[in-house]
Amino acid sequence: MLTNHQRFTCRKHEQNKTDNHHNPPGPWRRNVSKHAANKNLYIKFPICELLLPLFQDFLPMERIFAKSTLREFWLKHPDSEQYLKTWYDTAMNSAWNSPVEIKRTYANASILKDSRIVFNIKGNSFRLVAKFNFEKQWIFIRFIGTHEEYNRIDSNSI
């Protein structure tokens, strides 16, 4: 018959064997709690991957296609350069998840169908039509031009 001390030692040894089996060494080992309900979850996924969905709404825009379009336009219209750079920086540092959030930043923006937004650049001298993929945080520049050029296009289909 085992004494209490022997039982405790035996249980502790079994627990250490189990912990080593379930917690192989790795960069996420320090994040593993001994009291976690499901230790296998921590082993399969590093903790940063588990937390990423919680912060997905706060990540800025990932990509704007294509900045070269903006650059070509401001080379033709130098007075638009600073305004387009400001728009680009604002868009890249924003975490817009819906057209309503864009309207909070740009009150004069017009919301079209199919996630398209029309931005007034330089006090309505120029128009920029962008299509948004809010899920992937991508912006596709569909058109940039003067107000007169904008009036000649169909912004819903361009």
N, C-alpha and C. Protein backbone atom coordinates (compact mmCIF):
# COMPACT_ATOMS: atom_id res chain seq x y z
N MET A 1 0.84 -1.18 0.00
CA MET A 1 0.00 0.00 0.00
C MET A 1 0.89 1.24 0.00
N LEU A 2 0.49 2.26 -0.80
CA LEU A 2 1.28 3.48 -0.95
C LEU A 2 0.93 4.48 0.14
N THR A 3 1.94 5.19 0.59
CA THR A 3 1.70 6.26 1.56
C THR A 3 1.21 7.49 0.80
N ASN A 4 0.71 8.47 1.54
CA ASN A 4 0.23 9.70 0.92
C ASN A 4 1.34 10.40 0.14
N HIS A 5 2.57 10.39 0.71
CA HIS A 5 3.70 11.01 0.04
C HIS A 5 3.99 10.32 -1.29
N GLN A 6 3.95 8.99 -1.29
CA GLN A 6 4.21 8.24 -2.52
C GLN A 6 3.12 8.49 -3.56
N ARG A 7 1.87 8.56 -3.10
CA ARG A 7 0.78 8.85 -4.03
C ARG A 7 0.95 10.22 -4.67
N PHE A 8 1.27 11.23 -3.85
CA PHE A 8 1.47 12.58 -4.35
C PHE A 8 2.61 12.63 -5.36
N THR A 9 3.72 11.96 -5.03
CA THR A 9 4.87 11.92 -5.92
C THR A 9 4.52 11.23 -7.22
N CYS A 10 3.78 10.14 -7.14
CA CYS A 10 3.38 9.39 -8.33
C CYS A 10 2.46 10.24 -9.21
N ARG A 11 1.48 10.92 -8.60
CA ARG A 11 0.58 11.78 -9.36
C ARG A 11 1.34 12.92 -10.03
N LYS A 12 2.28 13.50 -9.27
CA LYS A 12 3.06 14.62 -9.81
C LYS A 12 3.91 14.14 -10.98
N HIS A 13 4.50 12.95 -10.88
CA HIS A 13 5.30 12.40 -11.96
C HIS A 13 4.43 12.15 -13.19
N GLU A 14 3.23 11.59 -12.99
CA GLU A 14 2.32 11.33 -14.11
C GLU A 14 1.90 12.65 -14.77
N GLN A 15 1.66 13.68 -13.94
CA GLN A 15 1.27 14.98 -14.48
C GLN A 15 2.41 15.57 -15.32
N ASN A 16 3.64 15.47 -14.86
CA ASN A 16 4.78 15.99 -15.61
C ASN A 16 4.94 15.24 -16.93
N LYS A 17 4.73 13.92 -16.90
CA LYS A 17 4.83 13.16 -18.15
C LYS A 17 3.75 13.62 -19.12
N THR A 18 2.55 13.83 -18.61
CA THR A 18 1.44 14.28 -19.46
C THR A 18 1.72 15.67 -20.01
N ASP A 19 2.19 16.59 -19.16
CA ASP A 19 2.47 17.94 -19.61
C ASP A 19 3.54 17.95 -20.70
N ASN A 20 4.58 17.17 -20.54
CA ASN A 20 5.63 17.13 -21.56
C ASN A 20 5.13 16.53 -22.86
N HIS A 21 4.23 15.56 -22.74
CA HIS A 21 3.68 14.93 -23.94
C HIS A 21 2.80 15.93 -24.71
N HIS A 22 1.97 16.69 -23.97
CA HIS A 22 1.03 17.62 -24.62
C HIS A 22 1.65 18.96 -24.94
N ASN A 23 2.77 19.30 -24.37
CA ASN A 23 3.37 20.61 -24.57
C ASN A 23 4.80 20.49 -25.08
N PRO A 24 4.97 20.11 -26.32
CA PRO A 24 6.34 20.02 -26.83
C PRO A 24 6.98 21.40 -26.85
N PRO A 25 8.30 21.46 -26.79
CA PRO A 25 8.95 22.76 -26.80
C PRO A 25 8.64 23.51 -28.09
N GLY A 26 8.50 24.79 -27.99
CA GLY A 26 8.20 25.62 -29.16
C GLY A 26 8.08 27.06 -28.74
N PRO A 27 7.95 27.97 -29.68
CA PRO A 27 7.90 29.39 -29.34
C PRO A 27 6.66 29.78 -28.55
N TRP A 28 5.60 28.96 -28.59
CA TRP A 28 4.37 29.30 -27.87
C TRP A 28 4.28 28.63 -26.52
N ARG A 29 5.28 27.85 -26.12
CA ARG A 29 5.21 27.12 -24.87
C ARG A 29 4.98 28.05 -23.68
N ARG A 30 5.61 29.21 -23.67
CA ARG A 30 5.45 30.12 -22.54
C ARG A 30 4.02 30.64 -22.40
N ASN A 31 3.22 30.52 -23.45
CA ASN A 31 1.84 30.98 -23.41
C ASN A 31 0.88 29.91 -22.90
N VAL A 32 1.37 28.72 -22.65
CA VAL A 32 0.50 27.63 -22.24
C VAL A 32 0.26 27.72 -20.74
N SER A 33 -0.99 27.74 -20.37
CA SER A 33 -1.36 27.77 -18.97
C SER A 33 -1.54 26.33 -18.48
N LYS A 34 -1.03 26.04 -17.27
CA LYS A 34 -1.19 24.69 -16.73
C LYS A 34 -2.65 24.41 -16.40
N HIS A 35 -3.41 25.47 -16.26
CA HIS A 35 -4.81 25.29 -15.89
C HIS A 35 -5.75 25.51 -17.07
N ALA A 36 -5.22 25.53 -18.26
CA ALA A 36 -6.05 25.73 -19.44
C ALA A 36 -6.99 24.54 -19.62
N ALA A 37 -8.21 24.84 -20.02
CA ALA A 37 -9.20 23.77 -20.18
C ALA A 37 -8.84 22.84 -21.34
N ASN A 38 -8.34 23.40 -22.43
CA ASN A 38 -8.02 22.58 -23.58
C ASN A 38 -6.60 22.89 -24.03
N LYS A 39 -5.64 22.15 -23.53
CA LYS A 39 -4.24 22.42 -23.81
C LYS A 39 -3.89 22.14 -25.26
N ASN A 40 -4.59 21.21 -25.88
CA ASN A 40 -4.30 20.89 -27.28
C ASN A 40 -4.53 22.10 -28.19
N LEU A 41 -5.48 22.94 -27.83
CA LEU A 41 -5.76 24.14 -28.61
C LEU A 41 -4.53 25.04 -28.65
N TYR A 42 -3.86 25.18 -27.52
CA TYR A 42 -2.69 26.04 -27.46
C TYR A 42 -1.50 25.44 -28.20
N ILE A 43 -1.46 24.14 -28.30
CA ILE A 43 -0.33 23.49 -28.95
C ILE A 43 -0.45 23.59 -30.47
N LYS A 44 -1.64 23.46 -30.97
CA LYS A 44 -1.83 23.48 -32.41
C LYS A 44 -1.69 24.88 -32.99
N PHE A 45 -2.10 25.91 -32.25
CA PHE A 45 -2.09 27.27 -32.74
C PHE A 45 -1.33 28.18 -31.78
N PRO A 46 -0.37 28.93 -32.28
CA PRO A 46 0.27 29.93 -31.42
C PRO A 46 -0.77 30.95 -30.97
N ILE A 47 -0.57 31.53 -29.82
CA ILE A 47 -1.55 32.42 -29.21
C ILE A 47 -1.86 33.63 -30.09
N CYS A 48 -0.87 34.12 -30.85
CA CYS A 48 -1.13 35.28 -31.70
C CYS A 48 -2.16 34.95 -32.78
N GLU A 49 -2.17 33.71 -33.27
CA GLU A 49 -3.16 33.33 -34.27
C GLU A 49 -4.56 33.22 -33.67
N LEU A 50 -4.62 32.91 -32.40
CA LEU A 50 -5.92 32.82 -31.73
C LEU A 50 -6.52 34.21 -31.51
N LEU A 51 -5.67 35.20 -31.26
CA LEU A 51 -6.15 36.54 -30.97
C LEU A 51 -6.40 37.38 -32.21
N LEU A 52 -5.88 36.98 -33.37
CA LEU A 52 -6.01 37.76 -34.59
C LEU A 52 -7.46 38.08 -34.94
N PRO A 53 -8.40 37.14 -34.88
CA PRO A 53 -9.79 37.50 -35.21
C PRO A 53 -10.38 38.57 -34.31
N LEU A 54 -9.89 38.68 -33.08
CA LEU A 54 -10.41 39.69 -32.17
C LEU A 54 -10.03 41.10 -32.61
N PHE A 55 -8.86 41.23 -33.25
CA PHE A 55 -8.37 42.54 -33.65
C PHE A 55 -8.53 42.80 -35.15
N GLN A 56 -9.19 41.91 -35.87
CA GLN A 56 -9.33 42.05 -37.31
C GLN A 56 -10.02 43.35 -37.69
N ASP A 57 -10.98 43.81 -36.87
CA ASP A 57 -11.72 45.02 -37.19
C ASP A 57 -10.89 46.27 -37.02
N PHE A 58 -9.73 46.18 -36.37
CA PHE A 58 -8.93 47.35 -36.08
C PHE A 58 -7.67 47.43 -36.94
N LEU A 59 -7.49 46.49 -37.86
CA LEU A 59 -6.31 46.50 -38.72
C LEU A 59 -6.55 47.46 -39.88
N PRO A 60 -5.55 48.26 -40.23
CA PRO A 60 -5.74 49.22 -41.33
C PRO A 60 -5.86 48.53 -42.67
N MET A 61 -6.22 49.33 -43.69
CA MET A 61 -6.33 48.80 -45.05
C MET A 61 -5.02 48.14 -45.43
N GLU A 62 -5.14 47.01 -46.07
CA GLU A 62 -3.96 46.24 -46.40
C GLU A 62 -3.34 46.68 -47.72
N ARG A 63 -4.15 47.02 -48.70
CA ARG A 63 -3.60 47.28 -50.02
C ARG A 63 -4.52 48.20 -50.80
N ILE A 64 -3.91 49.11 -51.55
CA ILE A 64 -4.66 49.95 -52.48
C ILE A 64 -4.13 49.65 -53.87
N PHE A 65 -5.02 49.23 -54.76
CA PHE A 65 -4.66 48.90 -56.14
C PHE A 65 -5.09 50.05 -57.03
N ALA A 66 -4.36 50.77 -57.67
CA ALA A 66 -2.93 50.81 -57.73
C ALA A 66 -2.50 52.25 -57.47
N LYS A 67 -1.52 52.41 -56.63
CA LYS A 67 -1.03 53.75 -56.33
C LYS A 67 -0.45 54.40 -57.58
N SER A 68 0.04 53.60 -58.51
CA SER A 68 0.60 54.14 -59.75
C SER A 68 -0.46 54.94 -60.53
N THR A 69 -1.72 54.55 -60.41
CA THR A 69 -2.81 55.29 -61.06
C THR A 69 -2.89 56.69 -60.48
N LEU A 70 -2.77 56.79 -59.16
CA LEU A 70 -2.78 58.11 -58.52
C LEU A 70 -1.57 58.92 -58.96
N ARG A 71 -0.42 58.28 -58.99
CA ARG A 71 0.83 58.97 -59.35
C ARG A 71 0.75 59.52 -60.78
N GLU A 72 0.26 58.71 -61.71
CA GLU A 72 0.11 59.16 -63.09
C GLU A 72 -0.82 60.36 -63.18
N PHE A 73 -1.88 60.34 -62.38
CA PHE A 73 -2.84 61.43 -62.42
C PHE A 73 -2.24 62.72 -61.87
N TRP A 74 -1.52 62.63 -60.75
CA TRP A 74 -0.98 63.86 -60.18
C TRP A 74 0.19 64.41 -60.99
N LEU A 75 0.80 63.57 -61.85
CA LEU A 75 1.81 64.11 -62.77
C LEU A 75 1.15 64.95 -63.87
N LYS A 76 -0.07 64.57 -64.29
CA LYS A 76 -0.82 65.35 -65.27
C LYS A 76 -1.46 66.58 -64.63
N HIS A 77 -1.88 66.43 -63.37
CA HIS A 77 -2.55 67.51 -62.62
C HIS A 77 -1.80 67.75 -61.32
N PRO A 78 -0.71 68.53 -61.36
CA PRO A 78 0.14 68.72 -60.17
C PRO A 78 -0.60 69.32 -58.97
N ASP A 79 -1.66 70.08 -59.21
CA ASP A 79 -2.39 70.68 -58.08
C ASP A 79 -3.16 69.63 -57.27
N SER A 80 -3.29 68.41 -57.77
CA SER A 80 -3.99 67.34 -57.04
C SER A 80 -3.06 66.47 -56.20
N GLU A 81 -1.75 66.63 -56.37
CA GLU A 81 -0.79 65.71 -55.75
C GLU A 81 -0.95 65.63 -54.23
N GLN A 82 -0.92 66.75 -53.55
CA GLN A 82 -0.98 66.72 -52.09
C GLN A 82 -2.31 66.17 -51.60
N TYR A 83 -3.38 66.47 -52.28
CA TYR A 83 -4.70 65.98 -51.90
C TYR A 83 -4.80 64.46 -52.05
N LEU A 84 -4.24 63.95 -53.15
CA LEU A 84 -4.26 62.50 -53.38
C LEU A 84 -3.35 61.77 -52.39
N LYS A 85 -2.21 62.35 -52.06
CA LYS A 85 -1.33 61.74 -51.06
C LYS A 85 -2.01 61.70 -49.70
N THR A 86 -2.72 62.75 -49.37
CA THR A 86 -3.46 62.77 -48.09
C THR A 86 -4.55 61.71 -48.09
N TRP A 87 -5.29 61.59 -49.19
CA TRP A 87 -6.33 60.56 -49.29
C TRP A 87 -5.71 59.17 -49.15
N TYR A 88 -4.60 58.95 -49.85
CA TYR A 88 -3.92 57.64 -49.80
C TYR A 88 -3.48 57.31 -48.37
N ASP A 89 -2.84 58.25 -47.70
CA ASP A 89 -2.38 58.01 -46.32
C ASP A 89 -3.56 57.75 -45.38
N THR A 90 -4.62 58.52 -45.53
CA THR A 90 -5.81 58.32 -44.69
C THR A 90 -6.41 56.94 -44.93
N ALA A 91 -6.53 56.55 -46.20
CA ALA A 91 -7.11 55.25 -46.53
C ALA A 91 -6.24 54.10 -46.01
N MET A 92 -4.94 54.22 -46.16
CA MET A 92 -4.05 53.14 -45.71
C MET A 92 -4.03 52.99 -44.20
N ASN A 93 -4.27 54.06 -43.48
CA ASN A 93 -4.23 54.01 -42.02
C ASN A 93 -5.60 53.85 -41.38
N SER A 94 -6.61 53.62 -42.19
CA SER A 94 -7.97 53.45 -41.67
C SER A 94 -8.36 51.98 -41.68
N ALA A 95 -9.28 51.65 -40.80
CA ALA A 95 -9.80 50.28 -40.74
C ALA A 95 -11.29 50.33 -41.02
N TRP A 96 -11.63 50.71 -42.24
CA TRP A 96 -13.03 50.81 -42.62
C TRP A 96 -13.62 49.43 -42.86
N ASN A 97 -14.76 49.16 -42.24
CA ASN A 97 -15.43 47.87 -42.42
C ASN A 97 -16.78 48.00 -43.10
N SER A 98 -17.18 49.23 -43.39
CA SER A 98 -18.45 49.45 -44.07
C SER A 98 -18.45 50.85 -44.67
N PRO A 99 -19.34 51.10 -45.62
CA PRO A 99 -19.44 52.45 -46.20
C PRO A 99 -19.80 53.51 -45.17
N VAL A 100 -20.52 53.12 -44.14
CA VAL A 100 -20.90 54.08 -43.10
C VAL A 100 -19.66 54.61 -42.39
N GLU A 101 -18.68 53.75 -42.15
CA GLU A 101 -17.44 54.18 -41.50
C GLU A 101 -16.65 55.13 -42.40
N ILE A 102 -16.73 54.92 -43.71
CA ILE A 102 -16.06 55.84 -44.64
C ILE A 102 -16.75 57.20 -44.58
N LYS A 103 -18.08 57.20 -44.50
CA LYS A 103 -18.83 58.47 -44.42
C LYS A 103 -18.48 59.24 -43.15
N ARG A 104 -18.09 58.55 -42.09
CA ARG A 104 -17.66 59.24 -40.87
C ARG A 104 -16.36 60.01 -41.11
N THR A 105 -15.50 59.44 -41.94
CA THR A 105 -14.22 60.09 -42.24
C THR A 105 -14.38 61.12 -43.35
N TYR A 106 -15.07 60.75 -44.40
CA TYR A 106 -15.31 61.63 -45.55
C TYR A 106 -16.81 61.86 -45.69
N ALA A 107 -17.29 62.92 -45.09
CA ALA A 107 -18.74 63.20 -45.09
C ALA A 107 -19.26 63.48 -46.49
N ASN A 108 -18.42 63.99 -47.39
CA ASN A 108 -18.87 64.32 -48.75
C ASN A 108 -18.76 63.15 -49.72
N ALA A 109 -18.32 62.00 -49.25
CA ALA A 109 -18.21 60.83 -50.14
C ALA A 109 -19.61 60.33 -50.49
N SER A 110 -19.74 59.84 -51.70
CA SER A 110 -21.03 59.29 -52.16
C SER A 110 -20.93 57.78 -52.21
N ILE A 111 -21.93 57.11 -51.63
CA ILE A 111 -21.95 55.65 -51.61
C ILE A 111 -22.77 55.15 -52.80
N LEU A 112 -22.13 54.29 -53.59
CA LEU A 112 -22.81 53.69 -54.74
C LEU A 112 -23.04 52.21 -54.45
N LYS A 113 -23.69 51.53 -55.40
CA LYS A 113 -23.89 50.09 -55.22
C LYS A 113 -22.59 49.33 -55.43
N ASP A 114 -22.57 48.07 -55.04
CA ASP A 114 -21.43 47.18 -55.23
C ASP A 114 -20.16 47.69 -54.54
N SER A 115 -20.30 48.22 -53.33
CA SER A 115 -19.17 48.68 -52.49
C SER A 115 -18.30 49.71 -53.19
N ARG A 116 -18.91 50.56 -53.98
CA ARG A 116 -18.18 51.64 -54.63
C ARG A 116 -18.45 52.94 -53.91
N ILE A 117 -17.39 53.73 -53.78
CA ILE A 117 -17.49 55.02 -53.10
C ILE A 117 -16.87 56.07 -54.01
N VAL A 118 -17.52 57.23 -54.11
CA VAL A 118 -16.98 58.35 -54.88
C VAL A 118 -16.46 59.38 -53.88
N PHE A 119 -15.19 59.74 -54.02
CA PHE A 119 -14.56 60.73 -53.15
C PHE A 119 -14.37 62.03 -53.93
N ASN A 120 -14.67 63.13 -53.30
CA ASN A 120 -14.41 64.45 -53.87
C ASN A 120 -13.01 64.86 -53.44
N ILE A 121 -12.15 65.12 -54.42
CA ILE A 121 -10.77 65.49 -54.14
C ILE A 121 -10.60 66.98 -54.48
N LYS A 122 -9.94 67.68 -53.62
CA LYS A 122 -9.67 69.12 -53.79
C LYS A 122 -10.97 69.89 -53.99
N GLY A 123 -11.83 69.75 -53.02
CA GLY A 123 -13.07 70.53 -53.04
C GLY A 123 -13.92 70.29 -54.27
N ASN A 124 -14.05 69.06 -54.69
CA ASN A 124 -14.90 68.65 -55.82
C ASN A 124 -14.31 69.01 -57.18
N SER A 125 -13.03 69.39 -57.24
CA SER A 125 -12.39 69.62 -58.53
C SER A 125 -12.10 68.31 -59.24
N PHE A 126 -11.81 67.28 -58.44
CA PHE A 126 -11.50 65.95 -58.97
C PHE A 126 -12.38 64.93 -58.28
N ARG A 127 -12.61 63.81 -58.97
CA ARG A 127 -13.40 62.72 -58.41
C ARG A 127 -12.59 61.44 -58.46
N LEU A 128 -12.70 60.67 -57.41
CA LEU A 128 -12.02 59.37 -57.33
C LEU A 128 -13.08 58.32 -57.01
N VAL A 129 -13.21 57.32 -57.85
CA VAL A 129 -14.15 56.21 -57.62
C VAL A 129 -13.33 55.00 -57.19
N ALA A 130 -13.67 54.45 -56.05
CA ALA A 130 -12.94 53.30 -55.52
C ALA A 130 -13.93 52.20 -55.18
N LYS A 131 -13.52 50.98 -55.44
CA LYS A 131 -14.32 49.80 -55.08
C LYS A 131 -13.63 49.15 -53.88
N PHE A 132 -14.39 48.83 -52.87
CA PHE A 132 -13.84 48.30 -51.62
C PHE A 132 -14.16 46.83 -51.45
N ASN A 133 -13.18 46.11 -50.94
CA ASN A 133 -13.40 44.76 -50.44
C ASN A 133 -13.13 44.86 -48.94
N PHE A 134 -14.19 45.05 -48.17
CA PHE A 134 -14.05 45.30 -46.74
C PHE A 134 -13.52 44.08 -45.99
N GLU A 135 -13.86 42.90 -46.46
CA GLU A 135 -13.40 41.68 -45.79
C GLU A 135 -11.88 41.54 -45.84
N LYS A 136 -11.31 41.80 -47.01
CA LYS A 136 -9.85 41.66 -47.17
C LYS A 136 -9.11 42.97 -46.95
N GLN A 137 -9.87 44.06 -46.75
CA GLN A 137 -9.29 45.39 -46.54
C GLN A 137 -8.48 45.83 -47.77
N TRP A 138 -9.08 45.70 -48.94
CA TRP A 138 -8.47 46.12 -50.20
C TRP A 138 -9.30 47.25 -50.81
N ILE A 139 -8.59 48.15 -51.50
CA ILE A 139 -9.25 49.22 -52.24
C ILE A 139 -8.78 49.15 -53.68
N PHE A 140 -9.72 49.16 -54.61
CA PHE A 140 -9.42 49.17 -56.03
C PHE A 140 -9.82 50.52 -56.60
N ILE A 141 -8.86 51.26 -57.13
CA ILE A 141 -9.17 52.54 -57.74
C ILE A 141 -9.73 52.28 -59.13
N ARG A 142 -10.99 52.65 -59.33
CA ARG A 142 -11.66 52.37 -60.60
C ARG A 142 -11.59 53.57 -61.55
N PHE A 143 -11.53 54.78 -60.99
CA PHE A 143 -11.49 55.97 -61.84
C PHE A 143 -10.95 57.13 -61.02
N ILE A 144 -10.17 57.97 -61.68
CA ILE A 144 -9.82 59.27 -61.12
C ILE A 144 -9.78 60.25 -62.27
N GLY A 145 -10.41 61.39 -62.07
CA GLY A 145 -10.46 62.38 -63.15
C GLY A 145 -11.07 63.68 -62.66
N THR A 146 -11.19 64.59 -63.59
CA THR A 146 -11.80 65.88 -63.26
C THR A 146 -13.31 65.69 -63.11
N HIS A 147 -13.94 66.70 -62.60
CA HIS A 147 -15.39 66.64 -62.41
C HIS A 147 -16.10 66.47 -63.76
N GLU A 148 -15.60 67.13 -64.79
CA GLU A 148 -16.21 67.02 -66.12
C GLU A 148 -16.04 65.60 -66.68
N GLU A 149 -14.87 65.00 -66.50
CA GLU A 149 -14.64 63.63 -66.96
C GLU A 149 -15.54 62.65 -66.21
N TYR A 150 -15.73 62.89 -64.94
CA TYR A 150 -16.59 62.03 -64.12
C TYR A 150 -18.04 62.06 -64.63
N ASN A 151 -18.49 63.21 -65.06
CA ASN A 151 -19.86 63.35 -65.56
C ASN A 151 -20.11 62.54 -66.82
N ARG A 152 -19.05 62.18 -67.55
CA ARG A 152 -19.19 61.43 -68.79
C ARG A 152 -19.13 59.91 -68.61
N ILE A 153 -18.90 59.43 -67.40
CA ILE A 153 -18.78 57.99 -67.18
C ILE A 153 -19.97 57.48 -66.35
N ASP A 154 -20.14 56.18 -66.35
CA ASP A 154 -21.10 55.52 -65.46
C ASP A 154 -20.32 54.94 -64.30
N SER A 155 -20.35 55.60 -63.18
CA SER A 155 -19.50 55.19 -62.03
C SER A 155 -19.94 53.87 -61.42
N ASN A 156 -21.15 53.41 -61.71
CA ASN A 156 -21.60 52.12 -61.16
C ASN A 156 -21.03 50.93 -61.94
N SER A 157 -20.59 51.17 -63.16
CA SER A 157 -20.13 50.05 -63.97
C SER A 157 -18.64 50.14 -64.34
N ILE A 158 -18.02 51.23 -64.05
CA ILE A 158 -16.61 51.38 -64.45
C ILE A 158 -15.70 50.48 -63.63
